[in-house]
N, C-alpha and C. Protein backbone atom coordinates (compact mmCIF):
# COMPACT_ATOMS: atom_id res chain seq x y z
N UNK A 1 0.83 -1.20 0.00
CA UNK A 1 0.00 0.00 0.00
C UNK A 1 0.87 1.27 0.00
N UNK A 2 1.97 1.24 0.76
CA UNK A 2 2.84 2.43 0.81
C UNK A 2 3.53 2.68 -0.52
N UNK A 3 3.85 1.62 -1.24
CA UNK A 3 4.47 1.82 -2.57
C UNK A 3 3.48 2.48 -3.51
N UNK A 4 2.21 2.10 -3.42
CA UNK A 4 1.18 2.74 -4.24
C UNK A 4 1.05 4.21 -3.87
N UNK A 5 1.03 4.51 -2.58
CA UNK A 5 0.94 5.90 -2.12
C UNK A 5 2.12 6.70 -2.65
N UNK A 6 3.32 6.14 -2.54
CA UNK A 6 4.52 6.85 -3.02
C UNK A 6 4.48 7.05 -4.52
N UNK A 7 4.09 6.02 -5.26
CA UNK A 7 4.03 6.13 -6.72
C UNK A 7 3.02 7.19 -7.15
N UNK A 8 1.84 7.17 -6.54
CA UNK A 8 0.82 8.17 -6.87
C UNK A 8 1.28 9.57 -6.47
N UNK A 9 1.87 9.67 -5.30
CA UNK A 9 2.36 10.95 -4.81
C UNK A 9 3.40 11.53 -5.76
N UNK A 10 4.34 10.69 -6.19
CA UNK A 10 5.39 11.14 -7.10
C UNK A 10 4.83 11.53 -8.46
N UNK A 11 3.95 10.70 -9.00
CA UNK A 11 3.44 10.98 -10.34
C UNK A 11 2.49 12.17 -10.37
N UNK A 12 1.73 12.37 -9.30
CA UNK A 12 0.80 13.50 -9.24
C UNK A 12 1.43 14.75 -8.65
N UNK A 13 2.62 14.60 -8.09
CA UNK A 13 3.34 15.70 -7.44
C UNK A 13 2.51 16.33 -6.32
N UNK A 14 1.98 15.47 -5.47
CA UNK A 14 1.24 15.91 -4.28
C UNK A 14 1.79 15.15 -3.08
N UNK A 15 1.41 15.59 -1.89
CA UNK A 15 1.92 14.95 -0.69
C UNK A 15 1.34 13.54 -0.52
N UNK A 16 2.14 12.65 0.07
CA UNK A 16 1.63 11.31 0.35
C UNK A 16 0.40 11.33 1.26
N UNK A 17 0.34 12.29 2.18
CA UNK A 17 -0.82 12.38 3.08
C UNK A 17 -2.10 12.67 2.31
N UNK A 18 -2.01 13.49 1.27
CA UNK A 18 -3.19 13.77 0.46
C UNK A 18 -3.63 12.51 -0.28
N UNK A 19 -2.69 11.76 -0.82
CA UNK A 19 -3.02 10.51 -1.51
C UNK A 19 -3.68 9.54 -0.53
N UNK A 20 -3.12 9.40 0.67
CA UNK A 20 -3.70 8.50 1.67
C UNK A 20 -5.14 8.90 2.00
N UNK A 21 -5.37 10.20 2.18
CA UNK A 21 -6.72 10.67 2.51
C UNK A 21 -7.71 10.33 1.41
N UNK A 22 -7.29 10.50 0.15
CA UNK A 22 -8.17 10.16 -0.97
C UNK A 22 -8.44 8.67 -1.00
N UNK A 23 -7.40 7.87 -0.81
CA UNK A 23 -7.58 6.41 -0.82
C UNK A 23 -8.47 5.95 0.33
N UNK A 24 -8.40 6.64 1.46
CA UNK A 24 -9.24 6.29 2.62
C UNK A 24 -10.65 6.85 2.48
N UNK A 25 -10.87 7.71 1.48
CA UNK A 25 -12.16 8.37 1.26
C UNK A 25 -12.58 9.16 2.49
N UNK A 26 -11.60 9.80 3.12
CA UNK A 26 -11.83 10.60 4.31
C UNK A 26 -11.97 12.06 3.88
N UNK A 27 -13.22 12.50 3.72
CA UNK A 27 -13.49 13.82 3.15
C UNK A 27 -12.86 14.96 3.95
N UNK A 28 -12.98 14.93 5.27
CA UNK A 28 -12.42 16.00 6.09
C UNK A 28 -10.90 16.06 5.95
N UNK A 29 -10.28 14.89 5.94
CA UNK A 29 -8.82 14.84 5.81
C UNK A 29 -8.39 15.28 4.41
N UNK A 30 -9.17 14.92 3.39
CA UNK A 30 -8.87 15.34 2.02
C UNK A 30 -8.84 16.86 1.94
N UNK A 31 -9.86 17.50 2.52
CA UNK A 31 -9.94 18.96 2.50
C UNK A 31 -8.75 19.56 3.24
N UNK A 32 -8.43 19.04 4.42
CA UNK A 32 -7.29 19.56 5.19
C UNK A 32 -5.98 19.39 4.42
N UNK A 33 -5.75 18.22 3.86
CA UNK A 33 -4.51 17.96 3.14
C UNK A 33 -4.42 18.80 1.86
N UNK A 34 -5.55 18.99 1.19
CA UNK A 34 -5.55 19.83 -0.02
C UNK A 34 -5.23 21.27 0.34
N UNK A 35 -5.77 21.75 1.44
CA UNK A 35 -5.44 23.11 1.90
C UNK A 35 -3.95 23.25 2.18
N UNK A 36 -3.39 22.27 2.87
CA UNK A 36 -1.95 22.29 3.16
C UNK A 36 -1.12 22.27 1.88
N UNK A 37 -1.56 21.47 0.92
CA UNK A 37 -0.84 21.37 -0.36
C UNK A 37 -0.86 22.71 -1.10
N UNK A 38 -2.02 23.34 -1.15
CA UNK A 38 -2.13 24.64 -1.82
C UNK A 38 -1.29 25.68 -1.10
N UNK A 39 -1.39 25.73 0.21
CA UNK A 39 -0.61 26.70 0.99
C UNK A 39 0.89 26.48 0.78
N UNK A 40 1.31 25.24 0.79
CA UNK A 40 2.72 24.92 0.57
C UNK A 40 3.19 25.40 -0.80
N UNK A 41 2.38 25.17 -1.82
CA UNK A 41 2.77 25.60 -3.17
C UNK A 41 2.79 27.11 -3.29
N UNK A 42 1.82 27.78 -2.66
CA UNK A 42 1.80 29.24 -2.69
C UNK A 42 3.03 29.82 -1.99
N UNK A 43 3.34 29.29 -0.81
CA UNK A 43 4.51 29.78 -0.07
C UNK A 43 5.81 29.48 -0.80
N UNK A 44 5.90 28.32 -1.41
CA UNK A 44 7.09 27.97 -2.16
C UNK A 44 7.28 28.90 -3.35
N UNK A 45 6.21 29.19 -4.05
CA UNK A 45 6.28 30.12 -5.18
C UNK A 45 6.66 31.51 -4.74
N UNK A 46 6.09 31.94 -3.62
CA UNK A 46 6.40 33.28 -3.10
C UNK A 46 7.86 33.35 -2.66
N UNK A 47 8.36 32.31 -2.02
CA UNK A 47 9.76 32.27 -1.60
C UNK A 47 10.68 32.33 -2.82
N UNK A 48 10.36 31.58 -3.87
CA UNK A 48 11.16 31.61 -5.09
C UNK A 48 11.20 33.01 -5.69
N UNK A 49 10.05 33.69 -5.71
CA UNK A 49 10.00 35.05 -6.25
C UNK A 49 10.84 36.01 -5.41
N UNK A 50 10.75 35.88 -4.08
CA UNK A 50 11.52 36.76 -3.21
C UNK A 50 13.03 36.52 -3.37
N UNK A 51 13.44 35.27 -3.45
CA UNK A 51 14.86 34.96 -3.64
C UNK A 51 15.36 35.47 -4.98
N UNK A 52 14.54 35.34 -5.99
CA UNK A 52 14.91 35.83 -7.31
C UNK A 52 15.07 37.35 -7.28
N UNK A 53 14.13 38.01 -6.64
CA UNK A 53 14.18 39.47 -6.55
C UNK A 53 15.41 39.91 -5.74
N UNK A 54 15.67 39.21 -4.64
CA UNK A 54 16.82 39.55 -3.80
C UNK A 54 18.12 39.39 -4.58
N UNK A 55 18.24 38.32 -5.36
CA UNK A 55 19.47 38.11 -6.11
C UNK A 55 19.64 39.14 -7.21
N UNK A 56 18.53 39.65 -7.76
CA UNK A 56 18.65 40.68 -8.80
C UNK A 56 19.05 42.03 -8.21
N UNK A 57 18.86 42.23 -6.92
CA UNK A 57 19.22 43.49 -6.27
C UNK A 57 20.65 43.50 -5.75
N UNK A 58 21.30 42.34 -5.74
CA UNK A 58 22.65 42.25 -5.20
C UNK A 58 23.67 42.77 -6.20
N UNK A 59 24.76 43.35 -5.70
CA UNK A 59 25.82 43.81 -6.61
C UNK A 59 26.46 42.64 -7.34
N UNK A 60 27.04 42.90 -8.52
CA UNK A 60 27.69 41.82 -9.28
C UNK A 60 28.74 41.10 -8.43
N UNK A 61 28.79 39.79 -8.57
CA UNK A 61 29.78 38.99 -7.84
C UNK A 61 29.29 38.50 -6.50
N UNK A 62 28.32 39.16 -5.92
CA UNK A 62 27.84 38.74 -4.60
C UNK A 62 26.75 37.68 -4.72
N UNK A 63 26.14 37.55 -5.90
CA UNK A 63 25.04 36.59 -6.04
C UNK A 63 25.53 35.15 -5.89
N UNK A 64 26.79 34.88 -6.30
CA UNK A 64 27.32 33.53 -6.15
C UNK A 64 27.42 33.16 -4.67
N UNK A 65 27.89 34.09 -3.88
CA UNK A 65 28.02 33.85 -2.44
C UNK A 65 26.64 33.70 -1.82
N UNK A 66 25.72 34.60 -2.17
CA UNK A 66 24.36 34.53 -1.62
C UNK A 66 23.67 33.26 -2.07
N UNK A 67 23.89 32.87 -3.32
CA UNK A 67 23.29 31.64 -3.82
C UNK A 67 23.77 30.43 -3.05
N UNK A 68 25.04 30.41 -2.71
CA UNK A 68 25.60 29.32 -1.91
C UNK A 68 24.97 29.32 -0.53
N UNK A 69 24.84 30.50 0.05
CA UNK A 69 24.24 30.62 1.38
C UNK A 69 22.77 30.19 1.36
N UNK A 70 22.06 30.49 0.26
CA UNK A 70 20.64 30.15 0.16
C UNK A 70 20.42 28.73 -0.35
N UNK A 71 21.50 28.02 -0.62
CA UNK A 71 21.35 26.64 -1.08
C UNK A 71 21.07 26.53 -2.56
N UNK A 72 21.34 27.56 -3.32
CA UNK A 72 21.07 27.54 -4.77
C UNK A 72 22.27 27.00 -5.51
């Protein structure tokens, strides 16, 4: 069952918890997990935009150092 959850999660690019909730047909949990998934994607996109903007504001040569610090 866990391999199925992982395979579906990977192919659909959603959290394993959301897949489990759908497979369990647990409506309340599906809604909660979907909300978490949407929030996670929104925050991730916002973080990417902020990091991109920050790197464009840095003086030449400093972006490599900042990128290393930010894990880029």
